[in-house]
């Protein structure tokens, strides 16, 4: 019982001490946060969030990014497809395929041309 009370007391004392020191320094204790959590680079978000593994997938993402930069594909369309995949298929091992399909469907509805992507296939022949 005393040890738990002692721990809580020390934590509270450390918090009060930290706030006091920050006041003496003339700077308020403010948590550092980004204004918008989606401010990360679009390329980094897509590559890491979609778990890009192959060169054909990376090439598709680069083509999409080029079209976003040239305003052929709205960034909101890419963001919405990415966020949908992350919220619905976040635990899936390979979310890229869902992203490509969702982006293609939403692009068709919006009248936006999405770059072609061919899924890699394994040969059944023993060469």
Protein backbone atom coordinates (compact mmCIF):
# COMPACT_ATOMS: atom_id res chain seq x y z
CA UNK A 1 0.00 0.00 0.00
CA UNK A 2 2.73 2.48 0.92
CA UNK A 3 4.80 1.65 -2.13
CA UNK A 4 1.92 2.44 -4.50
CA UNK A 5 1.23 5.70 -2.66
CA UNK A 6 4.92 6.57 -2.81
CA UNK A 7 5.05 5.97 -6.58
CA UNK A 8 1.99 8.16 -7.23
CA UNK A 9 3.41 10.85 -4.97
CA UNK A 10 6.74 10.84 -6.81
CA UNK A 11 5.05 10.98 -10.22
CA UNK A 12 2.92 13.92 -9.11
CA UNK A 13 5.95 15.66 -7.63
CA UNK A 14 7.88 15.17 -10.90
CA UNK A 15 5.00 16.64 -12.91
CA UNK A 16 4.77 19.70 -10.65
CA UNK A 17 8.54 20.12 -10.72
CA UNK A 18 8.61 19.86 -14.53
CA UNK A 19 5.87 22.45 -14.92
CA UNK A 20 7.65 24.77 -12.46
CA UNK A 21 10.97 24.48 -14.29
CA UNK A 22 9.30 25.16 -17.64
CA UNK A 23 7.69 28.29 -16.17
CA UNK A 24 11.04 29.51 -14.86
CA UNK A 25 12.56 29.05 -18.28
CA UNK A 26 9.91 31.39 -19.63
CA UNK A 27 8.55 28.83 -22.07
CA UNK A 28 5.18 27.16 -21.56
CA UNK A 29 5.03 23.37 -21.55
CA UNK A 30 3.28 22.60 -24.85
CA UNK A 31 2.99 19.20 -26.48
CA UNK A 32 4.57 19.13 -29.93
CA UNK A 33 2.08 18.01 -32.55
CA UNK A 34 1.72 18.41 -36.25
CA UNK A 35 -1.19 20.54 -37.35
CA UNK A 36 -2.45 17.96 -39.81
CA UNK A 37 -1.64 14.25 -39.31
CA UNK A 38 -1.74 13.75 -43.08
CA UNK A 39 1.13 16.15 -43.80
CA UNK A 40 3.61 13.35 -44.42
CA UNK A 41 4.92 13.10 -47.96
CA UNK A 42 2.41 11.34 -50.22
CA UNK A 43 5.11 9.09 -51.69
CA UNK A 44 6.25 7.93 -48.25
CA UNK A 45 2.69 7.32 -47.11
CA UNK A 46 1.82 5.22 -50.13
CA UNK A 47 5.02 3.18 -50.18
CA UNK A 48 5.06 2.38 -46.48
CA UNK A 49 1.31 2.26 -45.91
CA UNK A 50 0.60 -0.03 -48.85
CA UNK A 51 3.62 -2.24 -48.19
CA UNK A 52 5.08 -1.86 -51.70
CA UNK A 53 7.30 -4.84 -52.50
CA UNK A 54 7.87 -5.20 -56.22
CA UNK A 55 9.24 -2.90 -58.90
CA UNK A 56 5.96 -3.03 -60.86
CA UNK A 57 4.09 -1.77 -57.79
CA UNK A 58 6.64 0.99 -57.23
CA UNK A 59 6.38 1.94 -60.92
CA UNK A 60 2.58 2.18 -60.62
CA UNK A 61 2.85 4.39 -57.52
CA UNK A 62 5.37 6.64 -59.31
CA UNK A 63 3.02 6.98 -62.29
CA UNK A 64 0.14 7.88 -59.98
CA UNK A 65 2.32 10.45 -58.20
CA UNK A 66 3.39 12.02 -61.52
CA UNK A 67 -0.26 12.37 -62.52
CA UNK A 68 -1.12 13.86 -59.13
CA UNK A 69 1.66 16.43 -59.54
CA UNK A 70 0.43 17.31 -63.04
CA UNK A 71 -3.18 17.56 -61.71
CA UNK A 72 -4.44 14.75 -63.93
CA UNK A 73 -5.47 12.80 -60.81
CA UNK A 74 -6.84 14.76 -57.84
CA UNK A 75 -4.88 14.16 -54.65
CA UNK A 76 -8.18 13.85 -52.76
CA UNK A 77 -8.98 10.79 -54.88
CA UNK A 78 -5.67 9.14 -53.99
CA UNK A 79 -6.01 10.10 -50.32
CA UNK A 80 -9.55 8.77 -50.07
CA UNK A 81 -8.58 5.45 -51.68
CA UNK A 82 -5.56 5.17 -49.39
CA UNK A 83 -7.56 5.96 -46.26
CA UNK A 84 -10.29 3.51 -47.25
CA UNK A 85 -7.77 0.71 -47.71
CA UNK A 86 -5.97 1.56 -44.46
CA UNK A 87 -9.22 1.58 -42.49
CA UNK A 88 -10.77 -1.52 -44.05
CA UNK A 89 -7.77 -3.66 -44.99
CA UNK A 90 -5.16 -2.45 -42.50
CA UNK A 91 -4.47 -5.93 -41.13
CA UNK A 92 -4.10 -7.49 -44.56
CA UNK A 93 -0.62 -8.58 -45.60
CA UNK A 94 -0.85 -7.01 -49.04
CA UNK A 95 -3.00 -3.83 -49.08
CA UNK A 96 -1.56 -2.55 -52.39
CA UNK A 97 -3.89 -4.68 -54.50
CA UNK A 98 -6.94 -3.27 -52.70
CA UNK A 99 -5.62 0.27 -53.20
CA UNK A 100 -5.07 -0.25 -56.92
CA UNK A 101 -8.57 -1.66 -57.36
CA UNK A 102 -10.30 1.01 -55.25
CA UNK A 103 -8.37 3.79 -57.02
CA UNK A 104 -9.37 2.37 -60.40
CA UNK A 105 -13.07 2.11 -59.44
CA UNK A 106 -13.19 5.61 -57.94
CA UNK A 107 -11.25 7.03 -60.87
CA UNK A 108 -13.72 5.50 -63.32
CA UNK A 109 -16.63 7.07 -61.41
CA UNK A 110 -14.89 10.47 -61.44
CA UNK A 111 -13.87 10.19 -65.10
CA UNK A 112 -10.14 10.14 -64.27
CA UNK A 113 -7.70 7.91 -66.15
CA UNK A 114 -5.62 5.72 -63.82
CA UNK A 115 -2.32 4.29 -65.14
CA UNK A 116 -2.40 0.63 -66.16
CA UNK A 117 -1.07 -2.03 -63.84
CA UNK A 118 -0.49 -5.68 -64.70
CA UNK A 119 -0.37 -8.10 -61.85
CA UNK A 120 2.76 -10.24 -61.82
CA UNK A 121 2.09 -13.87 -62.59
CA UNK A 122 4.24 -16.89 -61.94
CA UNK A 123 5.08 -19.16 -64.80
CA UNK A 124 3.98 -22.77 -64.40
CA UNK A 125 6.64 -23.95 -66.82
CA UNK A 126 9.97 -25.21 -65.56
CA UNK A 127 12.43 -23.33 -67.75
